[in-house]
Amino acid sequence: LFFVTGEFSAVGDAEMGDGAWFWLIASCVMGVGISYSGWRTRSVITATTFTLVGVLNKMATIAFTVIVWPNDTTAASILALVFCILFGLLYQDAPKRKERPVIGGHKATMST
């Protein structure tokens, strides 16, 4: 995309400093690792739990930002963060459906 859009002409004179290739490759490896762990986690837990884990990770990122840059935080943002974490902790999987007795040779589940 960098070459297709022509952005390379805007940074044609830029040079990579010492260790830049290392950090670029390390960033790519970490990105692949994060992607793989996401796919692996998704195959082990339910979609709803995976979404909840993602939201709670975002909350952890926001909490980290509040600690690092406290001047940019407000009481409302802290309160919203606390509510998100509390409601995430209250989450429970939905109960499994009860099975109906076999009627006419077919086993059916109870619908809601």
PDB file of N, CA and C in Angstrom:
ATOM      1  N   LEU A   1       0.839  -1.186   0.000  1.00  0.00           N
ATOM      2  CA  LEU A   1       0.000   0.000   0.000  1.00  0.00           C
ATOM      3  C   LEU A   1       0.882   1.247   0.000  1.00  0.00           C
ATOM      4  N   PHE A   2       1.993   1.156   0.700  1.00  0.00           N
ATOM      5  CA  PHE A   2       2.936   2.271   0.769  1.00  0.00           C
ATOM      6  C   PHE A   2       3.408   2.669  -0.630  1.00  0.00           C
ATOM      7  N   PHE A   3       3.705   1.674  -1.476  1.00  0.00           N
ATOM      8  CA  PHE A   3       4.192   1.950  -2.816  1.00  0.00           C
ATOM      9  C   PHE A   3       3.056   2.262  -3.781  1.00  0.00           C
ATOM     10  N   VAL A   4       1.915   1.614  -3.606  1.00  0.00           N
ATOM     11  CA  VAL A   4       0.785   1.809  -4.509  1.00  0.00           C
ATOM     12  C   VAL A   4       0.230   3.219  -4.410  1.00  0.00           C
ATOM     13  N   THR A   5       0.156   3.768  -3.212  1.00  0.00           N
ATOM     14  CA  THR A   5      -0.398   5.112  -3.022  1.00  0.00           C
ATOM     15  C   THR A   5       0.604   6.219  -3.323  1.00  0.00           C
ATOM     16  N   GLY A   6       1.861   5.869  -3.541  1.00  0.00           N
ATOM     17  CA  GLY A   6       2.868   6.871  -3.863  1.00  0.00           C
ATOM     18  C   GLY A   6       3.463   7.578  -2.663  1.00  0.00           C
ATOM     19  N   GLU A   7       3.212   7.070  -1.469  1.00  0.00           N
ATOM     20  CA  GLU A   7       3.734   7.714  -0.268  1.00  0.00           C
ATOM     21  C   GLU A   7       5.255   7.637  -0.180  1.00  0.00           C
ATOM     22  N   PHE A   8       5.856   6.685  -0.890  1.00  0.00           N
ATOM     23  CA  PHE A   8       7.310   6.541  -0.820  1.00  0.00           C
ATOM     24  C   PHE A   8       8.017   7.783  -1.332  1.00  0.00           C
ATOM     25  N   SER A   9       7.385   8.538  -2.232  1.00  0.00           N
ATOM     26  CA  SER A   9       8.028   9.750  -2.746  1.00  0.00           C
ATOM     27  C   SER A   9       8.119  10.826  -1.674  1.00  0.00           C
ATOM     28  N   ALA A  10       7.180  10.825  -0.717  1.00  0.00           N
ATOM     29  CA  ALA A  10       7.193  11.823   0.352  1.00  0.00           C
ATOM     30  C   ALA A  10       8.292  11.553   1.367  1.00  0.00           C
ATOM     31  N   VAL A  11       8.716  10.309   1.495  1.00  0.00           N
ATOM     32  CA  VAL A  11       9.749   9.962   2.470  1.00  0.00           C
ATOM     33  C   VAL A  11      10.965   9.349   1.771  1.00  0.00           C
ATOM     34  N   GLY A  12      11.166   9.703   0.524  1.00  0.00           N
ATOM     35  CA  GLY A  12      12.252   9.132  -0.252  1.00  0.00           C
ATOM     36  C   GLY A  12      13.628   9.395   0.335  1.00  0.00           C
ATOM     37  N   ASP A  13      13.821  10.519   1.016  1.00  0.00           N
ATOM     38  CA  ASP A  13      15.126  10.862   1.572  1.00  0.00           C
ATOM     39  C   ASP A  13      15.325  10.315   2.981  1.00  0.00           C
ATOM     40  N   ALA A  14      14.321   9.702   3.556  1.00  0.00           N
ATOM     41  CA  ALA A  14      14.435   9.197   4.929  1.00  0.00           C
ATOM     42  C   ALA A  14      15.361   7.987   4.971  1.00  0.00           C
ATOM     43  N   GLU A  15      16.140   7.921   6.024  1.00  0.00           N
ATOM     44  CA  GLU A  15      17.037   6.786   6.225  1.00  0.00           C
ATOM     45  C   GLU A  15      16.662   6.087   7.519  1.00  0.00           C
ATOM     46  N   MET A  16      16.873   4.768   7.525  1.00  0.00           N
ATOM     47  CA  MET A  16      16.591   3.994   8.732  1.00  0.00           C
ATOM     48  C   MET A  16      17.801   4.099   9.648  1.00  0.00           C
ATOM     49  N   GLY A  17      17.555   4.454  10.897  1.00  0.00           N
ATOM     50  CA  GLY A  17      18.632   4.596  11.867  1.00  0.00           C
ATOM     51  C   GLY A  17      19.120   3.254  12.394  1.00  0.00           C
ATOM     52  N   ASP A  18      20.047   3.331  13.322  1.00  0.00           N
ATOM     53  CA  ASP A  18      20.602   2.125  13.933  1.00  0.00           C
ATOM     54  C   ASP A  18      19.514   1.349  14.658  1.00  0.00           C
ATOM     55  N   GLY A  19      19.406   0.087  14.359  1.00  0.00           N
ATOM     56  CA  GLY A  19      18.448  -0.774  15.038  1.00  0.00           C
ATOM     57  C   GLY A  19      17.023  -0.674  14.520  1.00  0.00           C
ATOM     58  N   ALA A  20      16.789   0.164  13.495  1.00  0.00           N
ATOM     59  CA  ALA A  20      15.421   0.338  12.997  1.00  0.00           C
ATOM     60  C   ALA A  20      14.876  -0.963  12.411  1.00  0.00           C
ATOM     61  N   TRP A  21      15.705  -1.703  11.688  1.00  0.00           N
ATOM     62  CA  TRP A  21      15.245  -2.961  11.110  1.00  0.00           C
ATOM     63  C   TRP A  21      14.891  -3.959  12.201  1.00  0.00           C
ATOM     64  N   PHE A  22      15.671  -3.961  13.276  1.00  0.00           N
ATOM     65  CA  PHE A  22      15.363  -4.864  14.390  1.00  0.00           C
ATOM     66  C   PHE A  22      13.982  -4.568  14.952  1.00  0.00           C
ATOM     67  N   TRP A  23      13.695  -3.291  15.197  1.00  0.00           N
ATOM     68  CA  TRP A  23      12.403  -2.921  15.774  1.00  0.00           C
ATOM     69  C   TRP A  23      11.255  -3.178  14.804  1.00  0.00           C
ATOM     70  N   LEU A  24      11.506  -2.988  13.516  1.00  0.00           N
ATOM     71  CA  LEU A  24      10.478  -3.276  12.520  1.00  0.00           C
ATOM     72  C   LEU A  24      10.141  -4.765  12.497  1.00  0.00           C
ATOM     73  N   ILE A  25      11.175  -5.607  12.468  1.00  0.00           N
ATOM     74  CA  ILE A  25      10.954  -7.050  12.450  1.00  0.00           C
ATOM     75  C   ILE A  25      10.353  -7.526  13.768  1.00  0.00           C
ATOM     76  N   ALA A  26      10.827  -6.990  14.893  1.00  0.00           N
ATOM     77  CA  ALA A  26      10.264  -7.360  16.198  1.00  0.00           C
ATOM     78  C   ALA A  26       8.788  -6.993  16.270  1.00  0.00           C
ATOM     79  N   SER A  27       8.427  -5.840  15.727  1.00  0.00           N
ATOM     80  CA  SER A  27       7.026  -5.419  15.706  1.00  0.00           C
ATOM     81  C   SER A  27       6.184  -6.381  14.871  1.00  0.00           C
ATOM     82  N   CYS A  28       6.713  -6.820  13.740  1.00  0.00           N
ATOM     83  CA  CYS A  28       5.989  -7.777  12.893  1.00  0.00           C
ATOM     84  C   CYS A  28       5.806  -9.113  13.608  1.00  0.00           C
ATOM     85  N   VAL A  29       6.847  -9.590  14.262  1.00  0.00           N
ATOM     86  CA  VAL A  29       6.769 -10.860  14.985  1.00  0.00           C
ATOM     87  C   VAL A  29       5.743 -10.758  16.117  1.00  0.00           C
ATOM     88  N   MET A  30       5.759  -9.652  16.858  1.00  0.00           N
ATOM     89  CA  MET A  30       4.774  -9.469  17.937  1.00  0.00           C
ATOM     90  C   MET A  30       3.356  -9.402  17.383  1.00  0.00           C
ATOM     91  N   GLY A  31       3.177  -8.740  16.246  1.00  0.00           N
ATOM     92  CA  GLY A  31       1.856  -8.666  15.622  1.00  0.00           C
ATOM     93  C   GLY A  31       1.336 -10.028  15.223  1.00  0.00           C
ATOM     94  N   VAL A  32       2.205 -10.854  14.647  1.00  0.00           N
ATOM     95  CA  VAL A  32       1.805 -12.217  14.285  1.00  0.00           C
ATOM     96  C   VAL A  32       1.480 -13.019  15.544  1.00  0.00           C
ATOM     97  N   GLY A  33       2.270 -12.845  16.607  1.00  0.00           N
ATOM     98  CA  GLY A  33       2.007 -13.545  17.867  1.00  0.00           C
ATOM     99  C   GLY A  33       0.680 -13.156  18.483  1.00  0.00           C
ATOM    100  N   ILE A  34       0.376 -11.863  18.456  1.00  0.00           N
ATOM    101  CA  ILE A  34      -0.911 -11.393  18.985  1.00  0.00           C
ATOM    102  C   ILE A  34      -2.062 -11.955  18.155  1.00  0.00           C
ATOM    103  N   SER A  35      -1.899 -11.950  16.841  1.00  0.00           N
ATOM    104  CA  SER A  35      -2.941 -12.482  15.968  1.00  0.00           C
ATOM    105  C   SER A  35      -3.168 -13.972  16.222  1.00  0.00           C
ATOM    106  N   TYR A  36      -2.084 -14.727  16.321  1.00  0.00           N
ATOM    107  CA  TYR A  36      -2.207 -16.164  16.575  1.00  0.00           C
ATOM    108  C   TYR A  36      -2.875 -16.428  17.921  1.00  0.00           C
ATOM    109  N   SER A  37      -2.473 -15.685  18.942  1.00  0.00           N
ATOM    110  CA  SER A  37      -3.068 -15.912  20.262  1.00  0.00           C
ATOM    111  C   SER A  37      -4.559 -15.573  20.252  1.00  0.00           C
ATOM    112  N   GLY A  38      -4.951 -14.578  19.463  1.00  0.00           N
ATOM    113  CA  GLY A  38      -6.366 -14.259  19.328  1.00  0.00           C
ATOM    114  C   GLY A  38      -7.147 -15.394  18.685  1.00  0.00           C
ATOM    115  N   TRP A  39      -6.619 -15.962  17.600  1.00  0.00           N
ATOM    116  CA  TRP A  39      -7.276 -17.085  16.935  1.00  0.00           C
ATOM    117  C   TRP A  39      -7.331 -18.296  17.850  1.00  0.00           C
ATOM    118  N   ARG A  40      -6.248 -18.548  18.550  1.00  0.00           N
ATOM    119  CA  ARG A  40      -6.203 -19.706  19.449  1.00  0.00           C
ATOM    120  C   ARG A  40      -7.187 -19.531  20.601  1.00  0.00           C
ATOM    121  N   THR A  41      -7.230 -18.345  21.177  1.00  0.00           N
ATOM    122  CA  THR A  41      -8.166 -18.076  22.264  1.00  0.00           C
ATOM    123  C   THR A  41      -9.603 -18.224  21.778  1.00  0.00           C
ATOM    124  N   ARG A  42      -9.891 -17.729  20.591  1.00  0.00           N
ATOM    125  CA  ARG A  42     -11.244 -17.803  20.052  1.00  0.00           C
ATOM    126  C   ARG A  42     -11.686 -19.251  19.857  1.00  0.00           C
ATOM    127  N   SER A  43     -10.747 -20.137  19.563  1.00  0.00           N
ATOM    128  CA  SER A  43     -11.125 -21.538  19.364  1.00  0.00           C
ATOM    129  C   SER A  43     -11.375 -22.266  20.683  1.00  0.00           C
ATOM    130  N   VAL A  44     -10.983 -21.672  21.805  1.00  0.00           N
ATOM    131  CA  VAL A  44     -11.112 -22.332  23.103  1.00  0.00           C
ATOM    132  C   VAL A  44     -12.334 -21.827  23.882  1.00  0.00           C
ATOM    133  N   ILE A  45     -12.710 -20.569  23.684  1.00  0.00           N
ATOM    134  CA  ILE A  45     -13.812 -19.975  24.451  1.00  0.00           C
ATOM    135  C   ILE A  45     -14.950 -19.564  23.510  1.00  0.00           C
ATOM    136  N   THR A  46     -16.071 -19.184  24.081  1.00  0.00           N
ATOM    137  CA  THR A  46     -17.224 -18.775  23.280  1.00  0.00           C
ATOM    138  C   THR A  46     -16.994 -17.386  22.688  1.00  0.00           C
ATOM    139  N   ALA A  47     -17.780 -17.054  21.681  1.00  0.00           N
ATOM    140  CA  ALA A  47     -17.660 -15.752  21.021  1.00  0.00           C
ATOM    141  C   ALA A  47     -17.951 -14.612  21.989  1.00  0.00           C
ATOM    142  N   THR A  48     -18.945 -14.784  22.846  1.00  0.00           N
ATOM    143  CA  THR A  48     -19.284 -13.736  23.807  1.00  0.00           C
ATOM    144  C   THR A  48     -18.163 -13.530  24.803  1.00  0.00           C
ATOM    145  N   THR A  49     -17.590 -14.608  25.307  1.00  0.00           N
ATOM    146  CA  THR A  49     -16.487 -14.491  26.252  1.00  0.00           C
ATOM    147  C   THR A  49     -15.279 -13.852  25.573  1.00  0.00           C
ATOM    148  N   PHE A  50     -15.033 -14.194  24.310  1.00  0.00           N
ATOM    149  CA  PHE A  50     -13.919 -13.593  23.570  1.00  0.00           C
ATOM    150  C   PHE A  50     -14.116 -12.087  23.439  1.00  0.00           C
ATOM    151  N   THR A  51     -15.338 -11.670  23.144  1.00  0.00           N
ATOM    152  CA  THR A  51     -15.631 -10.241  23.048  1.00  0.00           C
ATOM    153  C   THR A  51     -15.423  -9.558  24.388  1.00  0.00           C
ATOM    154  N   LEU A  52     -15.867 -10.203  25.451  1.00  0.00           N
ATOM    155  CA  LEU A  52     -15.687  -9.648  26.788  1.00  0.00           C
ATOM    156  C   LEU A  52     -14.208  -9.506  27.138  1.00  0.00           C
ATOM    157  N   VAL A  53     -13.418 -10.509  26.788  1.00  0.00           N
ATOM    158  CA  VAL A  53     -11.974 -10.439  27.037  1.00  0.00           C
ATOM    159  C   VAL A  53     -11.375  -9.257  26.272  1.00  0.00           C
ATOM    160  N   GLY A  54     -11.809  -9.057  25.041  1.00  0.00           N
ATOM    161  CA  GLY A  54     -11.320  -7.923  24.251  1.00  0.00           C
ATOM    162  C   GLY A  54     -11.668  -6.584  24.872  1.00  0.00           C
ATOM    163  N   VAL A  55     -12.893  -6.455  25.351  1.00  0.00           N
ATOM    164  CA  VAL A  55     -13.313  -5.209  25.994  1.00  0.00           C
ATOM    165  C   VAL A  55     -12.516  -4.965  27.272  1.00  0.00           C
ATOM    166  N   LEU A  56     -12.332  -6.014  28.072  1.00  0.00           N
ATOM    167  CA  LEU A  56     -11.563  -5.850  29.304  1.00  0.00           C
ATOM    168  C   LEU A  56     -10.102  -5.531  29.016  1.00  0.00           C
ATOM    169  N   ASN A  57      -9.554  -6.042  27.914  1.00  0.00           N
ATOM    170  CA  ASN A  57      -8.196  -5.666  27.528  1.00  0.00           C
ATOM    171  C   ASN A  57      -8.122  -4.190  27.166  1.00  0.00           C
ATOM    172  N   LYS A  58      -9.146  -3.701  26.490  1.00  0.00           N
ATOM    173  CA  LYS A  58      -9.191  -2.271  26.179  1.00  0.00           C
ATOM    174  C   LYS A  58      -9.259  -1.449  27.466  1.00  0.00           C
ATOM    175  N   MET A  59     -10.014  -1.942  28.437  1.00  0.00           N
ATOM    176  CA  MET A  59     -10.102  -1.230  29.707  1.00  0.00           C
ATOM    177  C   MET A  59      -8.742  -1.199  30.406  1.00  0.00           C
ATOM    178  N   ALA A  60      -8.001  -2.297  30.304  1.00  0.00           N
ATOM    179  CA  ALA A  60      -6.656  -2.328  30.895  1.00  0.00           C
ATOM    180  C   ALA A  60      -5.746  -1.324  30.195  1.00  0.00           C
ATOM    181  N   THR A  61      -5.885  -1.205  28.891  1.00  0.00           N
ATOM    182  CA  THR A  61      -5.093  -0.229  28.146  1.00  0.00           C
ATOM    183  C   THR A  61      -5.445   1.186  28.577  1.00  0.00           C
ATOM    184  N   ILE A  62      -6.725   1.456  28.764  1.00  0.00           N
ATOM    185  CA  ILE A  62      -7.155   2.782  29.214  1.00  0.00           C
ATOM    186  C   ILE A  62      -6.635   3.055  30.616  1.00  0.00           C
ATOM    187  N   ALA A  63      -6.702   2.062  31.488  1.00  0.00           N
ATOM    188  CA  ALA A  63      -6.184   2.242  32.850  1.00  0.00           C
ATOM    189  C   ALA A  63      -4.689   2.550  32.822  1.00  0.00           C
ATOM    190  N   PHE A  64      -3.949   1.871  31.960  1.00  0.00           N
ATOM    191  CA  PHE A  64      -2.519   2.143  31.816  1.00  0.00           C
ATOM    192  C   PHE A  64      -2.286   3.577  31.347  1.00  0.00           C
ATOM    193  N   THR A  65      -3.100   4.025  30.390  1.00  0.00           N
ATOM    194  CA  THR A  65      -2.983   5.389  29.890  1.00  0.00           C
ATOM    195  C   THR A  65      -3.273   6.406  30.987  1.00  0.00           C
ATOM    196  N   VAL A  66      -4.254   6.115  31.827  1.00  0.00           N
ATOM    197  CA  VAL A  66      -4.584   7.010  32.940  1.00  0.00           C
ATOM    198  C   VAL A  66      -3.400   7.121  33.895  1.00  0.00           C
ATOM    199  N   ILE A  67      -2.696   6.026  34.104  1.00  0.00           N
ATOM    200  CA  ILE A  67      -1.539   6.047  35.012  1.00  0.00           C
ATOM    201  C   ILE A  67      -0.379   6.811  34.384  1.00  0.00           C
ATOM    202  N   VAL A  68      -0.154   6.607  33.092  1.00  0.00           N
ATOM    203  CA  VAL A  68       0.995   7.232  32.430  1.00  0.00           C
ATOM    204  C   VAL A  68       0.751   8.718  32.162  1.00  0.00           C
ATOM    205  N   TRP A  69      -0.450   9.080  31.714  1.00  0.00           N
ATOM    206  CA  TRP A  69      -0.781  10.473  31.415  1.00  0.00           C
ATOM    207  C   TRP A  69      -1.972  10.924  32.253  1.00  0.00           C
ATOM    208  N   PRO A  70      -1.770  11.159  33.541  1.00  0.00           N
ATOM    209  CA  PRO A  70      -2.899  11.505  34.416  1.00  0.00           C
ATOM    210  C   PRO A  70      -3.524  12.868  34.124  1.00  0.00           C
ATOM    211  N   ASN A  71      -2.840  13.759  33.453  1.00  0.00           N
ATOM    212  CA  ASN A  71      -3.390  15.091  33.176  1.00  0.00           C
ATOM    213  C   ASN A  71      -4.536  15.047  32.173  1.00  0.00           C
ATOM    214  N   ASP A  72      -4.600  14.000  31.358  1.00  0.00           N
ATOM    215  CA  ASP A  72      -5.635  13.902  30.330  1.00  0.00           C
ATOM    216  C   ASP A  72      -6.878  13.157  30.805  1.00  0.00           C
ATOM    217  N   THR A  73      -6.978  12.864  32.095  1.00  0.00           N
ATOM    218  CA  THR A  73      -8.114  12.095  32.598  1.00  0.00           C
ATOM    219  C   THR A  73      -9.104  12.994  33.330  1.00  0.00           C
ATOM    220  N   THR A  74     -10.357  12.546  33.320  1.00  0.00           N
ATOM    221  CA  THR A  74     -11.407  13.255  34.053  1.00  0.00           C
ATOM    222  C   THR A  74     -12.087  12.265  34.984  1.00  0.00           C
ATOM    223  N   ALA A  75     -12.864  12.795  35.900  1.00  0.00           N
ATOM    224  CA  ALA A  75     -13.606  11.930  36.824  1.00  0.00           C
ATOM    225  C   ALA A  75     -14.599  11.053  36.059  1.00  0.00           C
ATOM    226  N   ALA A  76     -15.205  11.599  35.010  1.00  0.00           N
ATOM    227  CA  ALA A  76     -16.160  10.825  34.214  1.00  0.00           C
ATOM    228  C   ALA A  76     -15.476   9.649  33.520  1.00  0.00           C
ATOM    229  N   SER A  77     -14.270   9.850  33.007  1.00  0.00           N
ATOM    230  CA  SER A  77     -13.577   8.757  32.330  1.00  0.00           C
ATOM    231  C   SER A  77     -13.158   7.672  33.322  1.00  0.00           C
ATOM    232  N   ILE A  78     -12.760   8.060  34.522  1.00  0.00           N
ATOM    233  CA  ILE A  78     -12.409   7.075  35.547  1.00  0.00           C
ATOM    234  C   ILE A  78     -13.654   6.294  35.961  1.00  0.00           C
ATOM    235  N   LEU A  79     -14.767   6.977  36.128  1.00  0.00           N
ATOM    236  CA  LEU A  79     -16.016   6.320  36.508  1.00  0.00           C
ATOM    237  C   LEU A  79     -16.475   5.341  35.422  1.00  0.00           C
ATOM    238  N   ALA A  80     -16.364   5.729  34.159  1.00  0.00           N
ATOM    239  CA  ALA A  80     -16.732   4.844  33.060  1.00  0.00           C
ATOM    240  C   ALA A  80     -15.836   3.608  33.042  1.00  0.00           C
ATOM    241  N   LEU A  81     -14.559   3.798  33.309  1.00  0.00           N
ATOM    242  CA  LEU A  81     -13.623   2.677  33.355  1.00  0.00           C
ATOM    243  C   LEU A  81     -13.990   1.706  34.477  1.00  0.00           C
ATOM    244  N   VAL A  82     -14.308   2.229  35.640  1.00  0.00           N
ATOM    245  CA  VAL A  82     -14.685   1.388  36.782  1.00  0.00           C
ATOM    246  C   VAL A  82     -15.960   0.606  36.471  1.00  0.00           C
ATOM    247  N   PHE A  83     -16.956   1.260  35.864  1.00  0.00           N
ATOM    248  CA  PHE A  83     -18.192   0.567  35.512  1.00  0.00           C
ATOM    249  C   PHE A  83     -17.931  -0.551  34.506  1.00  0.00           C
ATOM    250  N   CYS A  84     -17.115  -0.300  33.508  1.00  0.00           N
ATOM    251  CA  CYS A  84     -16.812  -1.336  32.512  1.00  0.00           C
ATOM    252  C   CYS A  84     -16.153  -2.539  33.160  1.00  0.00           C
ATOM    253  N   ILE A  85     -15.208  -2.300  34.042  1.00  0.00           N
ATOM    254  CA  ILE A  85     -14.525  -3.413  34.700  1.00  0.00           C
ATOM    255  C   ILE A  85     -15.488  -4.171  35.611  1.00  0.00           C
ATOM    256  N   LEU A  86     -16.307  -3.459  36.375  1.00  0.00           N
ATOM    257  CA  LEU A  86     -17.251  -4.125  37.275  1.00  0.00           C
ATOM    258  C   LEU A  86     -18.269  -4.969  36.516  1.00  0.00           C
ATOM    259  N   PHE A  87     -18.832  -4.410  35.460  1.00  0.00           N
ATOM    260  CA  PHE A  87     -19.819  -5.169  34.701  1.00  0.00           C
ATOM    261  C   PHE A  87     -19.170  -6.336  33.971  1.00  0.00           C
ATOM    262  N   GLY A  88     -17.919  -6.191  33.564  1.00  0.00           N
ATOM    263  CA  GLY A  88     -17.202  -7.317  32.969  1.00  0.00           C
ATOM    264  C   GLY A  88     -17.001  -8.441  33.962  1.00  0.00           C
ATOM    265  N   LEU A  89     -16.750  -8.093  35.204  1.00  0.00           N
ATOM    266  CA  LEU A  89     -16.559  -9.108  36.240  1.00  0.00           C
ATOM    267  C   LEU A  89     -17.866  -9.814  36.595  1.00  0.00           C
ATOM    268  N   LEU A  90     -18.993  -9.161  36.368  1.00  0.00           N
ATOM    269  CA  LEU A  90     -20.291  -9.757  36.682  1.00  0.00           C
ATOM    270  C   LEU A  90     -20.797 -10.706  35.600  1.00  0.00           C
ATOM    271  N   TYR A  91     -20.128 -10.756  34.471  1.00  0.00           N
ATOM    272  CA  TYR A  91     -20.586 -11.586  33.353  1.00  0.00           C
ATOM    273  C   TYR A  91     -20.579 -13.067  33.715  1.00  0.00           C
ATOM    274  N   GLN A  92     -21.626 -13.775  33.263  1.00  0.00           N
ATOM    275  CA  GLN A  92     -21.716 -15.226  33.402  1.00  0.00           C
ATOM    276  C   GLN A  92     -22.243 -15.799  32.095  1.00  0.00           C
ATOM    277  N   ASP A  93     -21.824 -17.002  31.754  1.00  0.00           N
ATOM    278  CA  ASP A  93     -22.373 -17.663  30.574  1.00  0.00           C
ATOM    279  C   ASP A  93     -23.860 -17.910  30.781  1.00  0.00           C
ATOM    280  N   ALA A  94     -24.606 -17.865  29.697  1.00  0.00           N
ATOM    281  CA  ALA A  94     -26.039 -18.162  29.772  1.00  0.00           C
ATOM    282  C   ALA A  94     -26.216 -19.629  30.141  1.00  0.00           C
ATOM    283  N   PRO A  95     -27.271 -19.947  30.910  1.00  0.00           N
ATOM    284  CA  PRO A  95     -27.494 -21.348  31.268  1.00  0.00           C
ATOM    285  C   PRO A  95     -27.841 -22.161  30.030  1.00  0.00           C
ATOM    286  N   LYS A  96     -27.460 -23.418  30.040  1.00  0.00           N
ATOM    287  CA  LYS A  96     -27.744 -24.311  28.922  1.00  0.00           C
ATOM    288  C   LYS A  96     -29.238 -24.613  28.866  1.00  0.00           C
ATOM    289  N   ARG A  97     -29.728 -24.854  27.677  1.00  0.00           N
ATOM    290  CA  ARG A  97     -31.143 -25.188  27.524  1.00  0.00           C
ATOM    291  C   ARG A  97     -31.420 -26.569  28.093  1.00  0.00           C
ATOM    292  N   LYS A  98     -32.597 -26.717  28.676  1.00  0.00           N
ATOM    293  CA  LYS A  98     -33.015 -28.025  29.180  1.00  0.00           C
ATOM    294  C   LYS A  98     -33.553 -28.836  28.014  1.00  0.00           C
ATOM    295  N   GLU A  99     -33.252 -30.115  28.046  1.00  0.00           N
ATOM    296  CA  GLU A  99     -33.728 -30.977  26.969  1.00  0.00           C
ATOM    297  C   GLU A  99     -35.151 -31.430  27.249  1.00  0.00           C
ATOM    298  N   ARG A 100     -35.958 -31.479  26.202  1.00  0.00           N
ATOM    299  CA  ARG A 100     -37.315 -32.003  26.305  1.00  0.00           C
ATOM    300  C   ARG A 100     -37.263 -33.521  26.245  1.00  0.00           C
ATOM    301  N   PRO A 101     -38.248 -34.153  26.785  1.00  0.00           N
ATOM    302  CA  PRO A 101     -38.299 -35.613  26.650  1.00  0.00           C
ATOM    303  C   PRO A 101     -38.501 -35.988  25.187  1.00  0.00           C
ATOM    304  N   VAL A 102     -38.101 -37.201  24.840  1.00  0.00           N
ATOM    305  CA  VAL A 102     -38.226 -37.694  23.474  1.00  0.00           C
ATOM    306  C   VAL A 102     -39.699 -37.863  23.146  1.00  0.00           C
ATOM    307  N   ILE A 103     -40.148 -37.192  22.086  1.00  0.00           N
ATOM    308  CA  ILE A 103     -41.545 -37.267  21.659  1.00  0.00           C
ATOM    309  C   ILE A 103     -41.558 -37.687  20.191  1.00  0.00           C
ATOM    310  N   GLY A 104     -42.191 -38.773  19.921  1.00  0.00           N
ATOM    311  CA  GLY A 104     -42.293 -39.227  18.540  1.00  0.00           C
ATOM    312  C   GLY A 104     -40.966 -39.648  17.943  1.00  0.00           C
ATOM    313  N   GLY A 105     -40.038 -40.084  18.763  1.00  0.00           N
ATOM    314  CA  GLY A 105     -38.752 -40.553  18.265  1.00  0.00           C
ATOM    315  C   GLY A 105     -37.729 -39.459  18.003  1.00  0.00           C
ATOM    316  N   HIS A 106     -38.107 -38.189  18.244  1.00  0.00           N
ATOM    317  CA  HIS A 106     -37.178 -37.078  18.016  1.00  0.00           C
ATOM    318  C   HIS A 106     -36.893 -36.364  19.327  1.00  0.00           C
ATOM    319  N   LYS A 107     -35.626 -36.119  19.574  1.00  0.00           N
ATOM    320  CA  LYS A 107     -35.251 -35.376  20.771  1.00  0.00           C
ATOM    321  C   LYS A 107     -35.206 -33.895  20.396  1.00  0.00           C
ATOM    322  N   ALA A 108     -35.857 -33.057  21.188  1.00  0.00           N
ATOM    323  CA  ALA A 108     -35.900 -31.621  20.883  1.00  0.00           C
ATOM    324  C   ALA A 108     -35.413 -30.843  22.112  1.00  0.00           C
ATOM    325  N   THR A 109     -34.935 -29.653  21.854  1.00  0.00           N
ATOM    326  CA  THR A 109     -34.556 -28.765  22.960  1.00  0.00           C
ATOM    327  C   THR A 109     -35.655 -27.754  23.154  1.00  0.00           C
ATOM    328  N   MET A 110     -35.755 -27.268  24.364  1.00  0.00           N
ATOM    329  CA  MET A 110     -36.769 -26.272  24.675  1.00  0.00           C
ATOM    330  C   MET A 110     -36.358 -24.944  24.064  1.00  0.00           C
ATOM    331  N   SER A 111     -37.280 -24.289  23.414  1.00  0.00           N
ATOM    332  CA  SER A 111     -36.981 -22.973  22.860  1.00  0.00           C
ATOM    333  C   SER A 111     -37.437 -21.905  23.842  1.00  0.00           C
ATOM    334  N   THR A 112     -36.877 -20.727  23.663  1.00  0.00           N
ATOM    335  CA  THR A 112     -37.223 -19.619  24.576  1.00  0.00           C
ATOM    336  C   THR A 112     -38.412 -18.869  24.117  1.00  0.00           C
TER     337      THR A 112
END
